[in-house]
């Protein structure tokens, strides 16, 4: 009889592990607490489903920050090219966008997910939804709860792929922590990643400009500068440029109770050039009009300057130019975990074998956002989830 595998969690990590195991001839059952699987995957597809990124692999792996040393081998073993080939094999070719991000040609998640679930069905994978994982027996058998009540899965091996604790309405709510922690699994606290920052805007800026995008800007924190885009939110700032600085901001807020982020509205221009353009517009015009005519800075630009500086600090072209290049924004906190795109923290590396088996619970593997790693948006999150799912399957297949 072939080995029976239980996978708990029907996100990308769990589904790709199921596919790899079923292709190797294992009998696989996926359990998920939601009515359907892949819900967060579908949510990611609302923006075009950024599967991965096309940048050189040596640079790609640096995006995992403090976790690079152990995520890098997983990503090299299942690379962005491998992920694109997998999508193509399911009948969904990909393309590289102008930013280097990789998307399915459909620009939607649903066709890819349908093809994927069809492939899993062909391979004999059973998917059982509306089943909660509620515990483990003394011999590490998963205990689940479904419409028929509680039962033991009776499996040879288990892979946990339950995600982090962001987007709880899509299934990730961190309920696995109180199950694993008492069994000796070392878990770093679950914290928001790729989350907006909270800023106490003036009522004028908040009421007039919430929802306004800021394009071609640069944000700097602790000596690191990120170019990109952001969006003014009623609560602060959101967007890719903010998320890329999230780990450092989160640490500073925890340590100091806040942080100061610097906004450059014109990162492609030198301060002297900005001052010269402002000077040539004439001093009789209003400051907002001068910004618009000289620098094409309309909308919230002047209001943002006023958030960071008193009027007398903007009185001359030179002073205003310097301000445009470095608007201080006081960050009071990050958006809460249930408002974050992803989760930092999770099962620590030293709680896992190199094959992603839990040291404290032999026969149980873990992958995806349950593990203690994080990455910025741009394709790195999904790539990490896929790569760790493949790694868990590979580790399981190599287990005596």
Protein backbone atom coordinates (compact mmCIF):
# COMPACT_ATOMS: atom_id res chain seq x y z
CA UNK A 1 0.00 0.00 0.00
CA UNK A 2 1.35 3.46 -0.85
CA UNK A 3 2.18 5.92 1.89
CA UNK A 4 -0.70 8.06 3.11
CA UNK A 5 0.01 11.79 3.52
CA UNK A 6 -2.17 14.37 5.24
CA UNK A 7 -1.69 18.03 4.33
CA UNK A 8 -3.41 20.59 6.52
CA UNK A 9 -3.89 23.87 4.68
CA UNK A 10 -4.92 24.47 1.08
CA UNK A 11 -2.82 27.49 0.16
CA UNK A 12 0.02 27.55 -2.39
CA UNK A 13 2.53 25.78 -0.14
CA UNK A 14 0.15 22.97 0.74
CA UNK A 15 -1.16 22.54 -2.80
CA UNK A 16 2.28 22.39 -4.42
CA UNK A 17 3.45 19.90 -1.79
CA UNK A 18 0.39 17.78 -2.55
CA UNK A 19 1.13 17.85 -6.26
CA UNK A 20 4.76 16.84 -5.81
CA UNK A 21 3.85 13.99 -3.45
CA UNK A 22 1.02 12.69 -5.63
CA UNK A 23 3.32 12.72 -8.65
CA UNK A 24 5.64 10.52 -6.59
CA UNK A 25 2.85 8.03 -6.05
CA UNK A 26 1.75 8.97 -2.54
CA UNK A 27 -1.89 9.06 -1.44
CA UNK A 28 -2.59 12.63 -0.40
CA UNK A 29 -5.52 14.21 1.43
CA UNK A 30 -5.72 17.97 1.91
CA UNK A 31 -7.81 19.40 4.74
CA UNK A 32 -8.77 23.08 4.87
CA UNK A 33 -10.98 24.97 7.28
CA UNK A 34 -12.54 27.19 4.58
CA UNK A 35 -15.31 26.22 2.12
CA UNK A 36 -12.78 26.29 -0.75
CA UNK A 37 -9.00 26.16 -1.02
CA UNK A 38 -6.66 28.81 -2.38
CA UNK A 39 -8.60 31.80 -1.08
CA UNK A 40 -5.59 33.98 -0.33
CA UNK A 41 -4.11 32.94 -3.67
CA UNK A 42 -7.24 34.25 -5.36
CA UNK A 43 -7.04 37.48 -3.35
CA UNK A 44 -3.47 37.98 -4.57
CA UNK A 45 -4.81 37.64 -8.10
CA UNK A 46 -6.96 40.73 -7.75
CA UNK A 47 -3.90 42.79 -8.59
CA UNK A 48 -2.83 40.56 -11.48
CA UNK A 49 -1.30 37.63 -9.52
CA UNK A 50 2.36 38.55 -9.24
CA UNK A 51 3.74 34.99 -9.17
CA UNK A 52 7.46 35.75 -8.93
CA UNK A 53 10.14 38.13 -10.20
CA UNK A 54 12.53 37.97 -13.14
CA UNK A 55 15.58 39.62 -11.57
CA UNK A 56 18.84 37.61 -11.41
CA UNK A 57 18.64 34.85 -8.84
CA UNK A 58 21.66 36.11 -6.89
CA UNK A 59 19.78 39.35 -6.26
CA UNK A 60 16.40 37.66 -5.85
CA UNK A 61 17.51 35.64 -2.82
CA UNK A 62 18.70 38.75 -0.97
CA UNK A 63 15.05 39.87 -0.67
CA UNK A 64 14.52 37.41 2.19
CA UNK A 65 16.61 39.49 4.58
CA UNK A 66 17.54 37.76 7.81
CA UNK A 67 16.09 34.46 6.55
CA UNK A 68 18.19 34.40 3.36
CA UNK A 69 20.67 31.80 4.63
CA UNK A 70 18.02 29.08 4.82
CA UNK A 71 15.44 30.31 2.29
CA UNK A 72 18.07 30.66 -0.44
CA UNK A 73 18.70 26.89 -0.91
CA UNK A 74 14.93 26.30 -1.16
CA UNK A 75 14.50 29.01 -3.80
CA UNK A 76 17.49 27.76 -5.77
CA UNK A 77 16.02 24.26 -5.70
CA UNK A 78 12.66 25.58 -6.98
CA UNK A 79 13.52 28.80 -8.74
CA UNK A 80 11.44 31.51 -10.40
CA UNK A 81 12.10 29.77 -13.72
CA UNK A 82 10.80 26.52 -12.25
CA UNK A 83 7.65 28.29 -11.04
CA UNK A 84 7.07 29.76 -14.50
CA UNK A 85 7.57 26.33 -16.07
CA UNK A 86 5.07 24.84 -13.62
CA UNK A 87 2.45 27.44 -14.57
CA UNK A 88 3.08 26.83 -18.28
CA UNK A 89 2.69 23.10 -17.73
CA UNK A 90 -0.79 23.80 -16.34
CA UNK A 91 -1.65 25.65 -19.54
CA UNK A 92 -1.12 29.16 -18.17
CA UNK A 93 1.93 30.89 -19.74
CA UNK A 94 3.52 33.82 -17.95
CA UNK A 95 5.07 37.13 -19.00
CA UNK A 96 7.46 39.65 -17.48
CA UNK A 97 5.99 43.08 -16.79
CA UNK A 98 7.82 46.37 -17.15
CA UNK A 99 8.84 46.26 -13.47
CA UNK A 100 10.38 42.81 -13.85
CA UNK A 101 7.50 41.14 -12.05
CA UNK A 102 6.12 37.92 -13.48
CA UNK A 103 2.40 37.45 -14.12
CA UNK A 104 0.23 34.79 -15.77
CA UNK A 105 -0.89 35.91 -19.23
CA UNK A 106 -4.48 35.80 -17.99
CA UNK A 107 -3.59 38.34 -15.27
CA UNK A 108 -5.94 36.38 -13.02
CA UNK A 109 -5.52 33.73 -10.37
CA UNK A 110 -8.74 31.83 -11.01
CA UNK A 111 -7.79 30.15 -14.34
CA UNK A 112 -4.50 28.98 -12.84
CA UNK A 113 -6.15 27.70 -9.66
CA UNK A 114 -8.81 25.83 -11.66
CA UNK A 115 -6.15 24.16 -13.79
CA UNK A 116 -4.12 23.34 -10.70
CA UNK A 117 -7.03 21.76 -8.85
CA UNK A 118 -7.88 19.82 -11.99
CA UNK A 119 -4.33 18.45 -12.08
CA UNK A 120 -4.53 17.47 -8.41
CA UNK A 121 -7.80 15.67 -9.05
CA UNK A 122 -6.21 13.77 -11.95
CA UNK A 123 -3.42 12.73 -9.60
CA UNK A 124 -5.95 11.40 -7.08
CA UNK A 125 -5.48 14.08 -4.43
CA UNK A 126 -8.53 14.32 -2.17
CA UNK A 127 -9.52 17.79 -0.98
CA UNK A 128 -11.72 17.98 2.10
CA UNK A 129 -12.86 21.48 3.03
CA UNK A 130 -14.64 22.81 6.14
CA UNK A 131 -12.31 20.82 8.37
CA UNK A 132 -10.52 22.47 11.28
CA UNK A 133 -7.26 21.13 12.66
CA UNK A 134 -7.75 21.14 16.43
CA UNK A 135 -4.88 19.11 17.85
CA UNK A 136 -2.58 16.09 17.86
CA UNK A 137 -2.79 12.71 19.53
CA UNK A 138 0.08 11.46 21.70
CA UNK A 139 1.53 9.68 18.66
CA UNK A 140 1.26 12.84 16.49
CA UNK A 141 -1.86 11.92 14.53
CA UNK A 142 -3.79 15.07 13.48
CA UNK A 143 -7.17 15.57 15.12
CA UNK A 144 -9.68 17.30 12.86
CA UNK A 145 -13.20 18.57 13.24
CA UNK A 146 -15.72 18.51 10.41
CA UNK A 147 -19.43 18.17 9.84
CA UNK A 148 -19.34 14.64 11.22
CA UNK A 149 -17.53 15.63 14.42
CA UNK A 150 -13.97 15.07 15.59
CA UNK A 151 -11.72 12.34 14.18
CA UNK A 152 -8.09 11.29 13.83
CA UNK A 153 -6.63 11.49 10.33
CA UNK A 154 -4.75 8.15 10.65
CA UNK A 155 -1.91 9.17 8.38
CA UNK A 156 1.68 8.04 7.86
CA UNK A 157 3.05 11.57 7.66
CA UNK A 158 1.68 15.11 7.94
CA UNK A 159 2.57 18.42 6.32
CA UNK A 160 1.33 21.59 8.00
CA UNK A 161 0.71 24.50 5.63
CA UNK A 162 -1.71 26.65 7.60
CA UNK A 163 -0.29 30.07 6.70
CA UNK A 164 0.32 32.99 9.01
CA UNK A 165 -2.25 35.16 10.74
CA UNK A 166 -2.95 37.87 8.20
CA UNK A 167 -6.27 37.98 6.30
CA UNK A 168 -8.14 35.84 8.87
CA UNK A 169 -11.32 35.97 6.82
CA UNK A 170 -9.46 34.02 4.12
CA UNK A 171 -8.40 31.31 6.52
CA UNK A 172 -5.13 32.44 8.11
CA UNK A 173 -5.69 33.13 11.78
CA UNK A 174 -2.73 31.57 13.58
CA UNK A 175 -4.80 29.02 15.46
CA UNK A 176 -1.99 26.50 15.07
CA UNK A 177 0.28 28.34 17.54
CA UNK A 178 -1.45 27.09 20.75
CA UNK A 179 -1.42 23.57 19.33
CA UNK A 180 2.28 23.41 18.49
CA UNK A 181 3.84 25.57 21.20
CA UNK A 182 2.85 23.28 24.12
CA UNK A 183 4.35 20.36 22.21
CA UNK A 184 7.81 21.95 22.27
CA UNK A 185 7.85 23.75 18.92
CA UNK A 186 9.70 27.07 19.22
CA UNK A 187 7.62 29.81 17.57
CA UNK A 188 8.55 33.46 17.05
CA UNK A 189 5.64 35.84 17.71
CA UNK A 190 3.41 36.42 14.68
CA UNK A 191 3.72 40.03 13.56
CA UNK A 192 2.47 42.12 10.62
CA UNK A 193 4.60 42.15 7.47
CA UNK A 194 3.92 44.10 4.28
CA UNK A 195 1.68 46.32 6.35
CA UNK A 196 0.89 50.00 6.12
CA UNK A 197 2.36 52.47 8.59
CA UNK A 198 0.25 54.62 10.87
CA UNK A 199 0.70 58.40 10.78
CA UNK A 200 -1.36 60.97 12.66
CA UNK A 201 -2.17 63.12 9.63
CA UNK A 202 -3.78 66.51 10.02
CA UNK A 203 -7.51 66.43 9.42
CA UNK A 204 -7.00 68.53 6.26
CA UNK A 205 -4.65 66.04 4.62
CA UNK A 206 -6.57 62.99 5.81
CA UNK A 207 -9.98 64.22 4.72
CA UNK A 208 -8.88 65.67 1.39
CA UNK A 209 -6.22 63.24 0.18
CA UNK A 210 -6.89 59.78 1.66
CA UNK A 211 -6.71 57.33 -1.23
CA UNK A 212 -4.37 59.51 -3.31
CA UNK A 213 -1.39 57.69 -4.88
CA UNK A 214 2.14 59.01 -4.60
CA UNK A 215 4.09 57.98 -7.70
CA UNK A 216 7.82 58.01 -8.42
CA UNK A 217 8.78 58.75 -4.83
CA UNK A 218 11.53 57.49 -2.54
CA UNK A 219 11.25 56.55 1.12
CA UNK A 220 14.26 56.36 3.43
CA UNK A 221 14.63 54.76 6.83
CA UNK A 222 17.77 53.87 8.79
CA UNK A 223 20.02 54.57 5.83
CA UNK A 224 18.04 52.47 3.37
CA UNK A 225 16.21 54.11 0.46
CA UNK A 226 13.46 52.47 -1.56
CA UNK A 227 12.00 53.95 -4.73
CA UNK A 228 8.48 53.15 -5.81
CA UNK A 229 4.93 54.14 -5.04
CA UNK A 230 2.70 54.56 -2.02
CA UNK A 231 -0.86 55.55 -1.25
CA UNK A 232 -2.03 58.03 1.35
CA UNK A 233 -4.47 56.24 3.64
CA UNK A 234 -6.64 57.75 6.34
CA UNK A 235 -4.46 55.88 8.82
CA UNK A 236 -1.07 56.64 7.24
CA UNK A 237 0.73 55.23 4.21
CA UNK A 238 0.30 51.98 2.28
CA UNK A 239 2.10 50.54 -0.75
CA UNK A 240 5.12 48.66 -1.99
CA UNK A 241 7.72 51.28 -1.09
CA UNK A 242 6.43 51.28 2.50
CA UNK A 243 6.28 47.49 2.74
CA UNK A 244 9.89 47.11 1.61
CA UNK A 245 11.02 49.01 4.74
CA UNK A 246 8.61 47.19 7.02
CA UNK A 247 10.98 44.91 8.93
CA UNK A 248 13.23 47.76 10.04
CA UNK A 249 10.28 49.99 10.90
CA UNK A 250 8.66 47.21 12.92
CA UNK A 251 11.83 46.71 14.96
CA UNK A 252 12.27 50.45 15.56
CA UNK A 253 8.65 50.88 16.65
CA UNK A 254 8.93 47.96 19.08
CA UNK A 255 12.16 49.36 20.48
CA UNK A 256 11.48 53.11 20.50
CA UNK A 257 7.72 53.42 20.30
CA UNK A 258 7.86 55.09 16.89
CA UNK A 259 10.07 55.93 13.94
CA UNK A 260 10.65 58.68 11.39
CA UNK A 261 10.36 57.88 7.69
CA UNK A 262 11.74 60.38 5.15
CA UNK A 263 9.79 61.07 1.96
CA UNK A 264 11.47 62.38 -1.21
CA UNK A 265 8.88 63.68 -3.67
CA UNK A 266 11.39 64.07 -6.50
CA UNK A 267 14.13 61.41 -6.16
CA UNK A 268 15.31 61.88 -9.76
CA UNK A 269 16.23 65.53 -9.22
CA UNK A 270 19.02 67.19 -7.25
CA UNK A 271 18.18 69.76 -4.60
CA UNK A 272 19.89 72.54 -6.54
CA UNK A 273 17.91 71.77 -9.69
CA UNK A 274 14.65 71.83 -7.74
CA UNK A 275 15.57 75.16 -6.14
CA UNK A 276 16.44 76.65 -9.53
CA UNK A 277 13.12 75.61 -11.05
CA UNK A 278 11.20 77.00 -8.10
CA UNK A 279 13.14 80.27 -8.27
CA UNK A 280 12.26 80.71 -11.94
CA UNK A 281 8.52 80.48 -11.29
CA UNK A 282 8.47 83.78 -9.39
CA UNK A 283 7.63 84.44 -5.78
CA UNK A 284 4.25 86.09 -6.38
CA UNK A 285 2.53 82.79 -7.17
CA UNK A 286 1.15 80.59 -4.40
CA UNK A 287 3.33 77.75 -3.15
CA UNK A 288 1.00 75.01 -4.47
CA UNK A 289 1.00 76.64 -7.92
CA UNK A 290 4.78 76.96 -7.92
CA UNK A 291 5.11 73.27 -7.08
CA UNK A 292 2.73 72.36 -9.87
CA UNK A 293 4.29 74.62 -12.52
CA UNK A 294 7.95 74.03 -11.66
CA UNK A 295 7.92 70.36 -10.67
CA UNK A 296 4.57 68.89 -11.74
CA UNK A 297 3.84 68.32 -8.06
CA UNK A 298 0.11 68.74 -7.62
CA UNK A 299 -2.48 67.23 -5.31
CA UNK A 300 -1.17 66.52 -1.82
CA UNK A 301 2.43 67.73 -2.35
CA UNK A 302 2.16 71.04 -0.50
CA UNK A 303 0.00 69.51 2.22
CA UNK A 304 2.64 66.83 2.76
CA UNK A 305 5.30 69.53 3.06
CA UNK A 306 3.19 71.28 5.67
CA UNK A 307 2.87 68.02 7.61
CA UNK A 308 6.63 68.01 8.06
CA UNK A 309 7.61 71.68 8.15
CA UNK A 310 6.33 75.02 9.47
CA UNK A 311 5.67 77.75 6.86
CA UNK A 312 8.90 79.64 7.57
CA UNK A 313 10.90 76.51 6.69
CA UNK A 314 9.45 76.71 3.17
CA UNK A 315 9.96 80.43 2.61
CA UNK A 316 12.77 80.32 0.03
CA UNK A 317 13.30 78.16 -3.08
CA UNK A 318 16.35 76.62 -1.44
CA UNK A 319 14.48 75.77 1.74
CA UNK A 320 11.51 74.35 -0.11
CA UNK A 321 13.80 72.29 -2.36
CA UNK A 322 15.52 70.78 0.67
CA UNK A 323 12.13 70.03 2.21
CA UNK A 324 10.86 68.32 -0.96
CA UNK A 325 13.83 65.97 -0.78
CA UNK A 326 13.33 65.04 2.87
CA UNK A 327 9.85 65.31 4.36
CA UNK A 328 9.93 63.73 7.85
CA UNK A 329 6.92 61.54 8.56
CA UNK A 330 6.49 60.37 12.14
CA UNK A 331 5.38 56.73 12.24
CA UNK A 332 3.41 55.79 15.34
CA UNK A 333 2.86 52.13 14.49
CA UNK A 334 2.16 49.49 11.87
CA UNK A 335 -1.30 48.46 10.80
CA UNK A 336 -2.47 45.45 12.85
CA UNK A 337 -1.81 41.88 11.80
CA UNK A 338 -5.32 41.31 10.50
CA UNK A 339 -4.77 44.26 8.10
CA UNK A 340 -1.36 43.11 6.88
CA UNK A 341 -0.65 41.36 3.60
CA UNK A 342 1.56 38.74 5.22
CA UNK A 343 3.02 37.54 8.50
CA UNK A 344 6.46 37.73 10.05
CA UNK A 345 7.46 35.27 12.72
CA UNK A 346 6.39 31.65 12.95
CA UNK A 347 8.16 28.34 13.47
CA UNK A 348 11.81 29.13 14.09
CA UNK A 349 14.54 27.63 11.96
CA UNK A 350 16.14 25.83 14.89
CA UNK A 351 12.84 23.99 15.49
CA UNK A 352 13.14 22.36 12.05
CA UNK A 353 15.44 19.86 10.43
CA UNK A 354 16.97 20.90 7.09
CA UNK A 355 14.14 18.88 5.49
CA UNK A 356 11.51 21.06 7.29
CA UNK A 357 10.50 18.31 9.71
CA UNK A 358 9.59 19.49 13.20
CA UNK A 359 12.29 18.27 15.59
CA UNK A 360 9.83 18.07 18.47
CA UNK A 361 7.23 16.17 16.42
CA UNK A 362 8.82 13.54 14.17
CA UNK A 363 6.74 12.77 11.11
CA UNK A 364 5.30 16.27 10.88
CA UNK A 365 6.64 18.80 8.38
CA UNK A 366 5.81 22.50 7.97
CA UNK A 367 6.03 24.98 5.12
CA UNK A 368 4.82 28.33 3.82
CA UNK A 369 4.03 31.33 5.99
CA UNK A 370 3.99 29.19 9.12
CA UNK A 371 7.78 29.42 9.07
CA UNK A 372 9.79 32.33 10.46
CA UNK A 373 10.57 34.29 7.31
CA UNK A 374 9.22 37.30 5.48
CA UNK A 375 9.66 38.95 2.11
CA UNK A 376 8.44 42.07 0.35
CA UNK A 377 5.69 42.03 -2.23
CA UNK A 378 6.81 41.71 -5.83
CA UNK A 379 6.65 37.93 -6.26
CA UNK A 380 8.96 37.01 -3.40
CA UNK A 381 6.20 35.93 -1.03
CA UNK A 382 4.60 33.44 -3.39
CA UNK A 383 7.99 32.16 -4.56
CA UNK A 384 8.96 31.47 -0.95
CA UNK A 385 5.71 29.65 -0.27
CA UNK A 386 6.02 27.48 -3.37
CA UNK A 387 9.69 26.74 -2.72
CA UNK A 388 9.08 25.75 0.91
CA UNK A 389 6.16 23.51 -0.09
CA UNK A 390 8.38 21.74 -2.59
CA UNK A 391 11.10 21.44 0.06
CA UNK A 392 8.72 19.89 2.60
CA UNK A 393 7.54 17.36 0.02
CA UNK A 394 11.12 16.56 -0.92
CA UNK A 395 12.05 16.14 2.74
CA UNK A 396 9.10 13.84 3.33
CA UNK A 397 9.94 11.72 0.30
CA UNK A 398 13.50 11.31 1.56
CA UNK A 399 12.41 10.23 5.02
CA UNK A 400 13.21 6.59 5.89
